[in-house]
Structure formats: structure tokens, C-alpha cells
Amino acid sequence: EGMDSYCIKAFAEALEAIPYTLAENAGMKPIDVVTELRKAHVEGATGAGINVKKNLVSNMYDLNVLQPLLVSTSAINLATETVCMILKVDDLVVVQ
């Protein structure tokens, strides 16, 4: 509802920039790749990711491509805190 749903949607869109940028930097077609990745996740392939060596979406678990959870959560927490500080300074959203 209202501001909360707007913030959640914006947060989701910001996270989607990660695979888009990865695909773009790898010389792939980012829209096609993100669409294929989204489809794979909807179909239950939780390990689906972008294979930049073969220019396709692959199961990252099968390729032994893993990333420590702390790396991802730390980056997301830092980015979220930064955005909250900016919004708080600009008086756009009351941050709890």
C-alpha cells in the first residue's frame, strides 16, 4: 500500500540491475538474458545464473560457482542503509 509498496518495487527493480549489468558487461543481450533468468527461477531452478563463459543461463551449482552468503548480504545491507540515509536526509520517507 502506498509508499511501502513503491519502496519495495523500487528495491526489486534495483536488484534486477545486477544480472542486467553483468550480462551487458559480458557482451550479452541483457534483456534476453534477464528474461531467461527470470523464467528459469519461476520454473524452480533456484541455482540458475548467468554463465558468461558460454553466454547463457546455467545452473551455477552444477558449475560449482558459489558465493559466500556474507558477501551478498553485506552488499545489500550497505546499499539499503545508504538509500535509507539519503531518503531520510531528503525527508522523502520516514525511516524506522
Protein backbone atom coordinates (compact mmCIF):
# COMPACT_ATOMS: atom_id res chain seq x y z
CA GLU A 1 0.00 0.00 0.00
CA GLY A 2 1.17 3.48 -0.82
CA MET A 3 4.75 4.39 -0.05
CA ASP A 4 5.68 0.91 1.26
CA SER A 5 4.75 -0.85 -1.98
CA TYR A 6 6.51 1.82 -4.01
CA CYS A 7 9.69 1.31 -1.98
CA ILE A 8 9.54 -2.47 -2.27
CA LYS A 9 9.01 -2.28 -6.05
CA ALA A 10 11.92 0.15 -6.41
CA PHE A 11 14.12 -2.14 -4.30
CA ALA A 12 13.25 -5.13 -6.52
CA GLU A 13 14.00 -3.13 -9.67
CA ALA A 14 17.35 -2.08 -8.22
CA LEU A 15 18.27 -5.71 -7.52
CA GLU A 16 17.36 -6.64 -11.09
CA ALA A 17 20.06 -4.25 -12.29
CA ILE A 18 22.70 -6.73 -11.07
CA PRO A 19 22.12 -9.52 -13.63
CA TYR A 20 21.28 -6.92 -16.30
CA THR A 21 24.64 -5.19 -15.78
CA LEU A 22 26.52 -8.50 -15.63
CA ALA A 23 25.01 -9.62 -18.93
CA GLU A 24 25.64 -6.25 -20.54
CA ASN A 25 29.28 -6.18 -19.42
CA ALA A 26 29.76 -9.72 -20.76
CA GLY A 27 28.61 -8.62 -24.21
CA MET A 28 25.33 -10.48 -23.99
CA LYS A 29 21.82 -9.19 -24.74
CA PRO A 30 20.79 -8.14 -21.22
CA ILE A 31 17.02 -8.05 -21.76
CA ASP A 32 17.01 -11.55 -23.24
CA VAL A 33 19.26 -12.90 -20.50
CA VAL A 34 17.27 -11.37 -17.63
CA THR A 35 14.04 -12.67 -19.17
CA GLU A 36 15.50 -16.16 -19.49
CA LEU A 37 16.88 -15.98 -15.94
CA ARG A 38 13.52 -14.87 -14.57
CA LYS A 39 11.82 -17.74 -16.45
CA ALA A 40 14.29 -20.27 -15.02
CA HIS A 41 13.66 -19.03 -11.49
CA VAL A 42 9.88 -19.18 -11.95
CA GLU A 43 10.24 -22.78 -13.13
CA GLY A 44 12.04 -23.63 -9.88
CA ALA A 45 15.67 -23.52 -10.98
CA THR A 46 16.93 -21.72 -7.86
CA GLY A 47 20.55 -22.19 -8.90
CA ALA A 48 20.09 -20.53 -12.28
CA GLY A 49 22.59 -17.82 -13.05
CA ILE A 50 24.41 -16.13 -15.90
CA ASN A 51 27.19 -18.20 -17.43
CA VAL A 52 29.35 -15.50 -19.02
CA LYS A 53 31.77 -18.05 -20.50
CA LYS A 54 29.07 -19.72 -22.61
CA ASN A 55 26.74 -16.69 -22.91
CA LEU A 56 23.70 -18.46 -21.49
CA VAL A 57 21.78 -19.13 -18.31
CA SER A 58 23.12 -22.21 -16.50
CA ASN A 59 22.79 -23.96 -13.15
CA MET A 60 25.54 -22.37 -11.08
CA TYR A 61 25.52 -25.24 -8.56
CA ASP A 62 26.39 -27.71 -11.33
CA LEU A 63 29.28 -25.44 -12.37
CA ASN A 64 30.49 -25.10 -8.75
CA VAL A 65 30.06 -21.33 -8.94
CA LEU A 66 29.21 -20.26 -5.42
CA GLN A 67 29.39 -17.01 -3.49
CA PRO A 68 29.52 -16.74 0.29
CA LEU A 69 26.20 -15.50 1.71
CA LEU A 70 28.01 -12.88 3.78
CA VAL A 71 29.26 -11.14 0.62
CA SER A 72 25.77 -10.72 -0.81
CA THR A 73 24.03 -9.82 2.43
CA SER A 74 26.72 -7.28 3.37
CA ALA A 75 26.46 -5.55 -0.01
CA ILE A 76 22.66 -5.46 0.09
CA ASN A 77 22.62 -4.21 3.69
CA LEU A 78 25.13 -1.47 2.92
CA ALA A 79 23.22 -0.36 -0.17
CA THR A 80 19.92 -0.38 1.73
CA GLU A 81 21.34 1.65 4.62
CA THR A 82 22.76 4.16 2.15
CA VAL A 83 19.43 4.62 0.40
CA CYS A 84 17.62 4.95 3.74
CA MET A 85 20.06 7.67 4.81
CA ILE A 86 19.55 9.55 1.55
CA LEU A 87 15.77 9.30 1.82
CA LYS A 88 15.89 10.36 5.46
CA VAL A 89 18.01 13.39 4.61
CA ASP A 90 15.66 14.34 1.78
CA ASP A 91 12.61 13.79 4.06
CA LEU A 92 11.06 11.51 1.44
CA VAL A 93 10.40 8.52 3.67
CA VAL A 94 10.28 8.16 7.43
CA VAL A 95 12.90 5.52 8.19
CA GLN A 96 12.39 3.33 11.24
